[in-house]
Each structure stands twice: as structure tokens, then as C-alpha cells.
C-alpha atoms as a PDB file:
ATOM      1  CA  MET A   1     -87.562  22.385  -8.993  1.00  0.00           C
ATOM      2  CA  ALA A   2     -84.089  23.710  -8.165  1.00  0.00           C
ATOM      3  CA  LYS A   3     -81.287  21.219  -7.704  1.00  0.00           C
ATOM      4  CA  LYS A   4     -79.805  21.027  -4.212  1.00  0.00           C
ATOM      5  CA  MET A   5     -76.124  21.907  -3.805  1.00  0.00           C
ATOM      6  CA  ILE A   6     -74.193  19.200  -1.951  1.00  0.00           C
ATOM      7  CA  ASP A   7     -73.024  20.579   1.423  1.00  0.00           C
ATOM      8  CA  PHE A   8     -69.409  21.544   2.114  1.00  0.00           C
ATOM      9  CA  ASN A   9     -67.483  19.496   4.709  1.00  0.00           C
ATOM     10  CA  ARG A  10     -64.897  21.561   6.621  1.00  0.00           C
ATOM     11  CA  GLU A  11     -63.392  18.533   8.404  1.00  0.00           C
ATOM     12  CA  LEU A  12     -62.647  16.729   5.131  1.00  0.00           C
ATOM     13  CA  PHE A  13     -61.435  19.963   3.520  1.00  0.00           C
ATOM     14  CA  ASP A  14     -58.984  20.463   6.403  1.00  0.00           C
ATOM     15  CA  LEU A  15     -57.791  16.849   6.032  1.00  0.00           C
ATOM     16  CA  LEU A  16     -57.290  17.415   2.299  1.00  0.00           C
ATOM     17  CA  SER A  17     -55.499  20.729   2.887  1.00  0.00           C
ATOM     18  CA  SER A  18     -53.173  19.110   5.422  1.00  0.00           C
ATOM     19  CA  ARG A  19     -52.367  16.309   2.953  1.00  0.00           C
ATOM     20  CA  LEU A  20     -51.621  18.754   0.153  1.00  0.00           C
ATOM     21  CA  SER A  21     -49.503  20.968   2.402  1.00  0.00           C
ATOM     22  CA  SER A  22     -47.478  18.062   3.813  1.00  0.00           C
ATOM     23  CA  SER A  23     -46.734  16.938   0.241  1.00  0.00           C
ATOM     24  CA  GLY A  24     -45.476  20.394  -0.669  1.00  0.00           C
ATOM     25  CA  TYR A  25     -48.240  21.009  -3.200  1.00  0.00           C
ATOM     26  CA  GLU A  26     -48.629  24.683  -3.970  1.00  0.00           C
ATOM     27  CA  THR A  27     -52.305  25.288  -4.575  1.00  0.00           C
ATOM     28  CA  GLU A  28     -54.563  28.285  -4.655  1.00  0.00           C
ATOM     29  CA  VAL A  29     -57.756  28.222  -2.601  1.00  0.00           C
ATOM     30  CA  ARG A  30     -60.796  29.807  -4.237  1.00  0.00           C
ATOM     31  CA  LYS A  31     -64.552  29.664  -3.934  1.00  0.00           C
ATOM     32  CA  MET A  32     -66.490  27.220  -6.097  1.00  0.00           C
ATOM     33  CA  PHE A  33     -69.856  25.545  -5.568  1.00  0.00           C
ATOM     34  CA  GLY A  34     -70.488  27.908  -2.645  1.00  0.00           C
ATOM     35  CA  HIS A  35     -67.435  26.759  -0.669  1.00  0.00           C
ATOM     36  CA  VAL A  36     -63.656  26.683  -0.918  1.00  0.00           C
ATOM     37  CA  VAL A  37     -61.637  24.367  -3.173  1.00  0.00           C
ATOM     38  CA  HIS A  38     -57.995  23.943  -4.185  1.00  0.00           C
ATOM     39  CA  PHE A  39     -56.821  24.951  -7.671  1.00  0.00           C
ATOM     40  CA  LEU A  40     -53.611  23.786  -9.336  1.00  0.00           C
ATOM     41  CA  ASN A  41     -52.142  24.946 -12.640  1.00  0.00           C
ATOM     42  CA  GLY A  42     -55.271  27.101 -13.038  1.00  0.00           C
ATOM     43  CA  TYR A  43     -57.669  24.107 -12.851  1.00  0.00           C
ATOM     44  CA  MET A  44     -59.981  23.071 -10.072  1.00  0.00           C
ATOM     45  CA  PHE A  45     -57.964  20.381  -8.305  1.00  0.00           C
ATOM     46  CA  ALA A  46     -59.722  19.136  -5.175  1.00  0.00           C
ATOM     47  CA  GLY A  47     -62.350  19.957  -2.590  1.00  0.00           C
ATOM     48  CA  ALA A  48     -64.624  18.325  -0.047  1.00  0.00           C
ATOM     49  CA  ASN A  49     -68.330  17.866   0.422  1.00  0.00           C
ATOM     50  CA  GLU A  50     -70.563  15.842   2.700  1.00  0.00           C
ATOM     51  CA  HIS A  51     -69.875  12.651   0.695  1.00  0.00           C
ATOM     52  CA  GLY A  52     -66.060  12.819   0.495  1.00  0.00           C
ATOM     53  CA  ILE A  53     -63.174  14.483  -1.330  1.00  0.00           C
ATOM     54  CA  TYR A  54     -63.453  15.214  -5.041  1.00  0.00           C
ATOM     55  CA  LEU A  55     -60.473  15.289  -7.391  1.00  0.00           C
ATOM     56  CA  HIS A  56     -59.857  16.279 -10.997  1.00  0.00           C
ATOM     57  CA  VAL A  57     -58.297  13.190 -12.618  1.00  0.00           C
ATOM     58  CA  GLY A  58     -59.253  13.316 -16.293  1.00  0.00           C
ATOM     59  CA  GLU A  59     -61.752  11.198 -18.183  1.00  0.00           C
ATOM     60  CA  LYS A  60     -59.514   8.139 -18.788  1.00  0.00           C
ATOM     61  CA  ILE A  61     -58.487   7.736 -15.132  1.00  0.00           C
ATOM     62  CA  LYS A  62     -62.065   8.346 -14.037  1.00  0.00           C
ATOM     63  CA  GLU A  63     -63.473   5.687 -16.359  1.00  0.00           C
ATOM     64  CA  ASP A  64     -60.784   3.178 -15.349  1.00  0.00           C
ATOM     65  CA  ALA A  65     -61.418   3.819 -11.637  1.00  0.00           C
ATOM     66  CA  LEU A  66     -65.201   3.642 -11.621  1.00  0.00           C
ATOM     67  CA  GLY A  67     -66.300   0.185 -10.642  1.00  0.00           C
ATOM     68  CA  SER A  68     -62.778  -1.114 -10.108  1.00  0.00           C
ATOM     69  CA  GLU A  69     -61.476   1.078  -7.286  1.00  0.00           C
ATOM     70  CA  LYS A  70     -62.774   0.849  -3.747  1.00  0.00           C
ATOM     71  CA  TRP A  71     -64.334   4.108  -2.482  1.00  0.00           C
ATOM     72  CA  VAL A  72     -64.383   5.842  -5.908  1.00  0.00           C
ATOM     73  CA  ARG A  73     -67.565   7.101  -7.571  1.00  0.00           C
ATOM     74  CA  THR A  74     -68.703   9.936  -9.834  1.00  0.00           C
ATOM     75  CA  PHE A  75     -68.646  13.494  -8.490  1.00  0.00           C
ATOM     76  CA  SER A  76     -71.868  15.501  -8.377  1.00  0.00           C
ATOM     77  CA  PRO A  77     -71.708  19.067  -7.025  1.00  0.00           C
ATOM     78  CA  LEU A  78     -75.503  19.316  -7.446  1.00  0.00           C
ATOM     79  CA  GLU A  79     -78.001  16.526  -7.025  1.00  0.00           C
ATOM     80  CA  GLY A  80     -78.451  14.887 -10.424  1.00  0.00           C
ATOM     81  CA  THR A  81     -75.430  16.573 -12.059  1.00  0.00           C
ATOM     82  CA  VAL A  82     -72.239  14.617 -12.816  1.00  0.00           C
ATOM     83  CA  MET A  83     -68.945  16.366 -13.582  1.00  0.00           C
ATOM     84  CA  ARG A  84     -66.709  15.003 -16.303  1.00  0.00           C
ATOM     85  CA  GLU A  85     -63.068  14.309 -15.387  1.00  0.00           C
ATOM     86  CA  TYR A  86     -63.743  14.257 -11.633  1.00  0.00           C
ATOM     87  CA  ILE A  87     -64.067  11.477  -9.101  1.00  0.00           C
ATOM     88  CA  LEU A  88     -65.351  11.463  -5.553  1.00  0.00           C
ATOM     89  CA  LEU A  89     -63.287   9.579  -3.003  1.00  0.00           C
ATOM     90  CA  GLU A  90     -65.854   8.473  -0.448  1.00  0.00           C
ATOM     91  CA  ARG A  91     -65.333   9.298   3.243  1.00  0.00           C
ATOM     92  CA  GLU A  92     -63.915   5.848   4.051  1.00  0.00           C
ATOM     93  CA  GLY A  93     -61.213   6.269   1.413  1.00  0.00           C
ATOM     94  CA  CYS A  94     -60.371   9.736   2.695  1.00  0.00           C
ATOM     95  CA  ALA A  95     -59.613   8.252   6.115  1.00  0.00           C
ATOM     96  CA  ASP A  96     -57.012   5.920   4.575  1.00  0.00           C
ATOM     97  CA  ALA A  97     -53.809   7.982   4.218  1.00  0.00           C
ATOM     98  CA  ASP A  98     -52.357   5.800   1.436  1.00  0.00           C
ATOM     99  CA  THR A  99     -55.567   5.970  -0.599  1.00  0.00           C
ATOM    100  CA  LEU A 100     -55.821   9.745  -0.212  1.00  0.00           C
ATOM    101  CA  LYS A 101     -52.153  10.150  -1.187  1.00  0.00           C
ATOM    102  CA  LYS A 102     -52.601   7.911  -4.235  1.00  0.00           C
ATOM    103  CA  TRP A 103     -55.522   9.951  -5.543  1.00  0.00           C
ATOM    104  CA  THR A 104     -54.120  13.411  -4.795  1.00  0.00           C
ATOM    105  CA  ASP A 105     -50.870  12.392  -6.506  1.00  0.00           C
ATOM    106  CA  ARG A 106     -52.746  11.065  -9.568  1.00  0.00           C
ATOM    107  CA  SER A 107     -54.823  14.219  -9.796  1.00  0.00           C
ATOM    108  CA  ARG A 108     -51.767  16.454  -9.439  1.00  0.00           C
ATOM    109  CA  ALA A 109     -49.895  14.542 -12.158  1.00  0.00           C
ATOM    110  CA  TYR A 110     -52.861  14.845 -14.503  1.00  0.00           C
ATOM    111  CA  LEU A 111     -53.275  18.594 -13.955  1.00  0.00           C
ATOM    112  CA  LEU A 112     -49.569  19.280 -14.378  1.00  0.00           C
ATOM    113  CA  SER A 113     -49.678  17.417 -17.709  1.00  0.00           C
ATOM    114  CA  LEU A 114     -52.132  20.019 -19.034  1.00  0.00           C
ATOM    115  CA  PRO A 115     -51.141  23.449 -20.334  1.00  0.00           C
ATOM    116  CA  PRO A 116     -51.602  26.059 -17.598  1.00  0.00           C
ATOM    117  CA  LYS A 117     -55.089  27.485 -17.610  1.00  0.00           C
ATOM    118  CA  LYS A 118     -55.345  31.239 -17.757  1.00  0.00           C
ATOM    119  CA  LYS A 119     -56.601  32.755 -14.529  1.00  0.00           C
ATOM    120  CA  ARG A 120     -60.014  34.357 -14.617  1.00  0.00           C
ATOM    121  CA  GLY A 121     -61.198  36.531 -11.728  1.00  0.00           C
ATOM    122  CA  GLY A 122     -62.147  34.856  -8.494  1.00  0.00           C
ATOM    123  CA  THR A 123     -61.634  34.904  -4.796  1.00  0.00           C
ATOM    124  CA  SER A 124     -58.084  34.890  -3.530  1.00  0.00           C
ATOM    125  CA  SER A 125     -56.861  32.463  -0.893  1.00  0.00           C
ATOM    126  CA  ALA A 126     -57.129  34.997   1.909  1.00  0.00           C
ATOM    127  CA  GLU A 127     -60.658  36.038   0.936  1.00  0.00           C
ATOM    128  CA  ALA A 128     -61.940  32.472   0.516  1.00  0.00           C
ATOM    129  CA  LEU A 129     -61.133  31.312   4.030  1.00  0.00           C
END
């Protein structure tokens, strides 16, 4: 039986995009998982689905956050599939501006600590939206 893709959430994606823009983050929007996501430094950075906003934070931050941080859980783009180095900030946490800022800032810091990832083909920002 095929695994079901978790549905995209435009409202949460727009909230995320507004947060990133207001912070001056320069991201690239591309298609991934059948919907649009933000990339930073060549890595998938953040996106939104029906459960919340997902962020690339690295394995150490993820492990530290799981079970100890309110509104944080593992990220699954497909039912039954968990992605390493990513967390999902549940909807309630997304609504809290300080919580969303904390996690986007942590994700950004982690991705900027990595060597830039070489760009492979993909959909440009204009094409993705």
C-alpha cells in the first residue's frame, strides 16, 4: 500500500514566509514533497503541512528538543516516514510568534554552520508559487 503524503498548508506556509521575510532571511522557494518549501544555503530549511511548520535543525537539536520542548515532534512528510535532522513545530507553536522566531532562528543558525550545498536542478521561486 502506498504511503500517503501529508497535505500542504498554505496558511501556515504564508505565516512562515512572512516570519522569514520580516527577519530579513534570504531564502529560495522550491518544490519538495509536492508543495513549496524554503531553502537556505542550499539545504531544505522550512515548510508547512497540515500538522505544522517543519524546520531543519540538525540531529543534536532535534534529539534535545523531542520530549522537552512544547509543540515539537518528529517530522514525517509521508505517513510512517520520519526525517532525520528535522522537527515539526505543531500548529499551536506556530501561532506563538516567540516560539516560531526561536525555531526559525535555530534552524537558520544550524544551516549557516554547514558548508553551502551545491545546487541541483529544481523549480525556481517564480515557478514554484
